[in-house]
Amino acid sequence: MSNFKFTSKHVLLLAIILIIAACCTETLSEPVVVPDSKVVIKHASVDFSESCMQCHAKVSPDIYSDWKSSGHGILNYGCYICHGDGETEFYPVGSEDKCISCHSKSEGHLARMEYTGCYDCHDGHTLKAN
C-alpha cells in the first residue's frame, strides 16, 4: 500500500482538471477506476482521433505551455506516460509509480525527504520544485 497522501495542492489540481474536463465536452465517458484506489475517475468524452496535446493546447493552453517548456515537453514525452491513454486508463494527477518508472534514481531521494510524493515538491507540468 502506498504512503501517498492527498494535499491541498492535489485537491486544487484535481478540481482544475475536472473543470477543464467539463469544459471539453457535455458528457463524460464510462468510469475508470484508478488502480489501488476506490476513486472512480472519468475523462471527458472527446474525439480520441485528436491527440491529447492538440486538445489541451486549445482547452488548457497554460497547462499545455507549462508542459511543452518542461523537460518532458522538450523530449516530447506524451501525456499518456503520466496520465494514461484517457480511454482505458486515466490519472488526472500522475502517480509516483509513473515517475519512478523512468526516474528510478530519484527513489532514494524521495525516501530521504519528509514529503510523501513527487508532487509535494514538484509542479506536475513544469516539473520545477515548488
Protein backbone atom coordinates (compact mmCIF):
# COMPACT_ATOMS: atom_id res chain seq x y z
CA MET A 1 0.00 0.00 0.00
CA SER A 2 1.31 3.43 -0.92
CA ASN A 3 2.11 6.12 1.64
CA PHE A 4 0.70 8.73 -0.74
CA LYS A 5 -1.35 11.46 0.98
CA PHE A 6 -3.55 13.97 -0.78
CA THR A 7 -2.55 17.53 -0.02
CA SER A 8 -4.48 20.72 -0.68
CA LYS A 9 -2.41 21.12 -3.87
CA HIS A 10 -3.69 17.76 -5.13
CA VAL A 11 -7.29 18.68 -4.38
CA LEU A 12 -6.89 22.01 -6.18
CA LEU A 13 -5.23 20.36 -9.19
CA LEU A 14 -7.96 17.70 -9.36
CA ALA A 15 -10.66 20.41 -9.19
CA ILE A 16 -8.99 22.32 -12.04
CA ILE A 17 -8.70 19.17 -14.14
CA LEU A 18 -12.35 18.29 -13.57
CA ILE A 19 -13.42 21.82 -14.53
CA ILE A 20 -11.33 21.59 -17.70
CA ALA A 21 -12.81 18.18 -18.47
CA ALA A 22 -16.32 19.56 -18.05
CA CYS A 23 -15.49 22.37 -20.47
CA CYS A 24 -14.17 19.92 -23.07
CA THR A 25 -17.48 18.15 -23.51
CA GLU A 26 -21.01 17.90 -22.30
CA THR A 27 -20.87 14.20 -21.45
CA LEU A 28 -18.37 12.09 -19.60
CA SER A 29 -17.07 8.72 -20.65
CA GLU A 30 -17.56 5.47 -18.74
CA PRO A 31 -15.96 5.47 -15.30
CA VAL A 32 -12.38 4.32 -14.98
CA VAL A 33 -11.21 3.03 -11.60
CA VAL A 34 -7.71 4.09 -10.68
CA PRO A 35 -5.66 1.00 -9.64
CA ASP A 36 -5.15 0.68 -5.87
CA SER A 37 -7.89 3.22 -5.31
CA LYS A 38 -11.59 3.34 -4.63
CA VAL A 39 -11.85 6.63 -6.51
CA VAL A 40 -13.57 6.48 -9.89
CA ILE A 41 -12.09 8.97 -12.35
CA LYS A 42 -13.68 9.90 -15.65
CA HIS A 43 -12.04 11.55 -18.61
CA ALA A 44 -14.23 13.78 -20.70
CA SER A 45 -15.67 12.14 -23.81
CA VAL A 46 -13.55 13.54 -26.59
CA ASP A 47 -12.61 12.71 -30.14
CA PHE A 48 -9.63 10.46 -29.43
CA SER A 49 -8.50 10.80 -33.05
CA GLU A 50 -7.18 14.19 -31.89
CA SER A 51 -4.08 13.92 -29.71
CA CYS A 52 -4.07 14.98 -26.06
CA MET A 53 -1.64 17.74 -26.99
CA GLN A 54 -3.84 19.11 -29.78
CA CYS A 55 -6.88 19.22 -27.49
CA HIS A 56 -5.13 20.61 -24.43
CA ALA A 57 -3.33 23.28 -26.46
CA LYS A 58 -6.85 24.66 -27.05
CA VAL A 59 -8.72 23.91 -23.81
CA SER A 60 -5.93 24.42 -21.26
CA PRO A 61 -3.22 26.44 -23.04
CA ASP A 62 -1.43 27.50 -19.83
CA ILE A 63 -1.04 23.89 -18.66
CA TYR A 64 -0.04 22.82 -22.17
CA SER A 65 2.55 25.61 -22.31
CA ASP A 66 3.97 24.61 -18.91
CA TRP A 67 4.31 21.01 -20.10
CA LYS A 68 5.72 21.98 -23.53
CA SER A 69 8.53 24.03 -21.99
CA SER A 70 9.33 21.39 -19.33
CA GLY A 71 11.87 18.61 -19.65
CA HIS A 72 9.06 16.20 -20.58
CA GLY A 73 7.71 18.53 -23.28
CA ILE A 74 11.14 19.24 -24.73
CA LEU A 75 11.71 15.48 -25.03
CA ASN A 76 8.13 15.12 -26.33
CA TYR A 77 7.12 12.66 -23.62
CA GLY A 78 3.41 12.45 -24.26
CA CYS A 79 0.61 13.00 -21.77
CA TYR A 80 -0.18 9.27 -21.71
CA ILE A 81 3.14 8.47 -20.00
CA CYS A 82 1.94 10.14 -16.79
CA HIS A 83 -1.83 10.30 -17.28
CA GLY A 84 -2.70 7.08 -19.14
CA ASP A 85 -4.35 6.85 -22.54
CA GLY A 86 -7.57 8.55 -21.38
CA GLU A 87 -9.79 5.74 -22.65
CA THR A 88 -8.95 2.65 -20.59
CA GLU A 89 -6.60 4.22 -18.07
CA PHE A 90 -6.78 7.80 -16.76
CA TYR A 91 -4.89 9.52 -13.96
CA PRO A 92 -5.74 13.22 -13.59
CA VAL A 93 -2.65 13.50 -11.40
CA GLY A 94 0.27 11.28 -12.36
CA SER A 95 1.28 8.80 -9.69
CA GLU A 96 4.71 8.46 -8.13
CA ASP A 97 4.83 4.94 -9.60
CA LYS A 98 4.71 6.54 -13.05
CA CYS A 99 7.52 8.97 -12.08
CA ILE A 100 9.73 6.26 -10.57
CA SER A 101 9.31 4.00 -13.62
CA CYS A 102 11.50 6.49 -15.52
CA HIS A 103 13.25 8.25 -12.65
CA SER A 104 14.32 5.27 -10.54
CA LYS A 105 17.43 7.11 -9.33
CA SER A 106 15.11 9.59 -7.59
CA GLU A 107 13.50 6.91 -5.43
CA GLY A 108 16.31 7.19 -2.86
CA HIS A 109 15.99 10.97 -2.92
CA LEU A 110 12.27 10.70 -2.17
CA ALA A 111 12.93 8.27 0.69
CA ARG A 112 15.22 10.84 2.37
CA MET A 113 12.68 13.64 2.10
CA GLU A 114 9.91 14.47 4.55
CA TYR A 115 7.43 14.52 1.66
CA THR A 116 5.25 11.61 0.67
CA GLY A 117 5.37 12.07 -3.08
CA CYS A 118 6.99 13.81 -6.03
CA TYR A 119 4.17 16.37 -6.36
CA ASP A 120 4.62 17.55 -2.79
CA CYS A 121 7.74 19.30 -4.07
CA HIS A 122 7.49 19.38 -7.89
CA ASP A 123 4.85 21.04 -10.03
CA GLY A 124 3.09 18.43 -12.15
CA HIS A 125 3.64 20.09 -15.51
CA THR A 126 6.63 22.41 -15.24
CA LEU A 127 8.39 19.81 -13.06
CA LYS A 128 10.07 22.69 -11.21
CA ALA A 129 10.49 22.42 -7.45
CA ASN A 130 7.91 24.47 -5.57
